[in-house]
Protein backbone atom coordinates (compact mmCIF):
# COMPACT_ATOMS: atom_id res chain seq x y z
CA MET A 1 80.94 -33.71 -63.07
CA ILE A 2 84.51 -33.06 -62.21
CA ILE A 3 85.86 -36.47 -61.83
CA PRO A 4 84.69 -37.66 -65.42
CA GLN A 5 85.87 -34.50 -66.95
CA ASN A 6 89.49 -34.97 -65.28
CA ARG A 7 89.54 -38.73 -66.28
CA ASN A 8 88.62 -37.64 -70.03
CA LYS A 9 91.43 -34.97 -70.15
CA ILE A 10 93.94 -37.39 -68.82
CA MET A 11 92.97 -40.07 -71.39
CA SER A 12 93.10 -37.43 -74.19
CA THR A 13 96.55 -36.28 -73.13
CA ALA A 14 97.76 -39.90 -72.91
CA ILE A 15 96.40 -40.60 -76.48
CA MET A 16 97.77 -37.42 -77.98
CA LEU A 17 101.45 -37.96 -76.38
CA PHE A 18 101.26 -41.72 -77.70
CA MET A 19 100.29 -40.27 -81.14
CA ASN A 20 103.56 -38.25 -81.19
CA ASN A 21 105.67 -41.44 -81.82
CA GLN A 22 103.10 -43.16 -84.22
CA PRO A 23 103.40 -42.10 -87.79
CA SER A 24 100.33 -44.05 -89.18
CA VAL A 25 97.71 -44.47 -86.29
CA LYS A 26 94.32 -43.17 -86.00
CA ILE A 27 92.26 -43.49 -82.75
CA MET A 28 88.64 -42.99 -82.36
CA GLN A 29 87.70 -42.50 -78.90
CA LYS A 30 83.88 -42.89 -78.34
CA PHE A 31 81.88 -41.91 -75.31
CA CYS A 32 78.85 -43.77 -74.18
CA GLU A 33 75.42 -42.28 -74.18
CA PRO A 34 72.84 -43.38 -71.75
CA GLY A 35 70.30 -45.55 -73.60
CA HIS A 36 72.42 -45.94 -76.76
CA SER A 37 74.23 -49.09 -77.94
CA GLU A 38 77.23 -47.65 -79.85
CA ILE A 39 79.69 -49.12 -77.39
CA GLN A 40 78.39 -52.56 -78.23
CA GLU A 41 81.62 -53.50 -80.34
CA ILE A 42 83.72 -52.75 -77.20
CA ASN A 43 81.53 -55.06 -75.22
CA ASN A 44 81.94 -57.82 -77.78
CA VAL A 45 85.77 -57.57 -77.52
CA HIS A 46 85.46 -57.71 -73.58
CA SER A 47 83.06 -60.83 -73.87
CA GLN A 48 85.47 -62.53 -75.95
CA LEU A 49 88.49 -61.86 -73.60
CA GLU A 50 86.51 -62.99 -70.51
CA LYS A 51 85.64 -66.15 -72.35
CA ALA A 52 89.05 -66.92 -73.22
CA LEU A 53 90.53 -66.09 -69.77
CA GLN A 54 87.76 -68.27 -67.97
CA THR A 55 89.40 -71.38 -69.52
CA SER A 56 93.13 -70.35 -68.97
CA GLU A 57 95.30 -69.83 -66.26
CA VAL A 58 97.64 -67.03 -66.41
CA TYR A 59 101.00 -67.23 -64.55
CA SER A 60 102.78 -64.44 -66.14
CA PRO A 61 102.53 -61.35 -68.48
CA LEU A 62 103.72 -63.61 -71.40
CA GLY A 63 100.97 -65.96 -70.78
CA LEU A 64 98.56 -63.26 -71.02
CA VAL A 65 100.06 -62.16 -74.25
CA GLN A 66 99.75 -65.56 -75.81
CA ILE A 67 95.95 -66.05 -74.52
CA LEU A 68 95.34 -62.47 -76.10
CA CYS A 69 96.98 -63.51 -79.42
CA LYS A 70 94.63 -66.71 -79.57
CA THR A 71 91.40 -64.82 -78.69
CA PRO A 72 89.13 -65.29 -81.84
CA HIS A 73 87.52 -62.13 -83.14
CA HIS A 74 86.89 -60.33 -86.52
CA LYS A 75 89.29 -57.58 -85.87
CA PRO A 76 92.53 -59.03 -84.46
CA LEU A 77 94.09 -57.37 -81.46
CA LYS A 78 97.35 -55.56 -81.92
CA LEU A 79 99.47 -55.77 -78.87
CA THR A 80 102.23 -53.23 -78.12
CA GLN A 81 104.62 -53.81 -75.26
CA LEU A 82 105.32 -50.97 -73.19
CA ASN A 83 108.88 -50.00 -71.97
CA LYS A 84 109.83 -47.96 -68.73
CA HIS A 85 109.94 -44.73 -70.61
CA ASP A 86 106.27 -45.06 -71.86
CA ILE A 87 105.06 -44.66 -68.41
CA LYS A 88 104.22 -41.04 -67.82
CA ASP A 89 102.45 -38.76 -65.35
CA TYR A 90 99.54 -38.11 -67.61
CA GLN A 91 97.77 -36.04 -64.98
CA GLY A 92 100.41 -33.78 -64.68
CA GLU A 93 100.85 -33.61 -68.47
CA ALA A 94 97.21 -32.70 -68.98
CA GLU A 95 97.56 -29.65 -67.03
CA LYS A 96 99.74 -28.12 -69.85
CA PHE A 97 96.76 -28.37 -72.32
CA HIS A 98 93.47 -26.25 -72.07
CA PHE A 99 90.99 -28.88 -71.75
CA GLU A 100 88.83 -26.75 -69.53
CA CYS A 101 87.25 -25.32 -72.80
CA VAL A 102 86.12 -28.90 -73.84
CA SER A 103 82.80 -29.98 -72.38
CA PHE A 104 83.30 -33.68 -72.50
CA SER A 105 79.84 -34.51 -71.16
CA LYS A 106 78.46 -33.22 -74.41
CA VAL A 107 81.09 -35.05 -76.83
CA LYS A 108 80.19 -38.14 -78.61
CA ALA A 109 83.44 -38.99 -80.12
CA ILE A 110 87.08 -37.69 -80.70
CA GLN A 111 89.19 -38.85 -83.55
CA TYR A 112 92.78 -38.44 -83.22
CA THR A 113 95.11 -38.43 -86.27
CA SER A 114 98.95 -38.24 -86.28
CA GLU A 115 100.46 -35.38 -87.73
CA HIS A 116 102.83 -37.65 -89.71
CA ASN A 117 100.21 -38.87 -92.03
């Protein structure tokens, strides 16, 4: 499966580059397995977001942020505003790493930890 492999290496690159400027962040990236429900917590967040958006009208990015801040859940969302310099060509950056030795189809989770911890 070349397409998922490429998506996973691009996402891993984006997370690693994000971590360079985040001194106290840990990220756990979980991969779905057919027939398992480990991803249920993500589905719960998606469900809560969909419920909040069904009863709201969004006219601007600020309006969306306000809705996201009010969405009830046991683990509050932390929103980070991106700037122009945050937008990168992650596909091009991913080619600099040697992800061809990682079999993403066999990986269940990857934990990223900043070196600054």
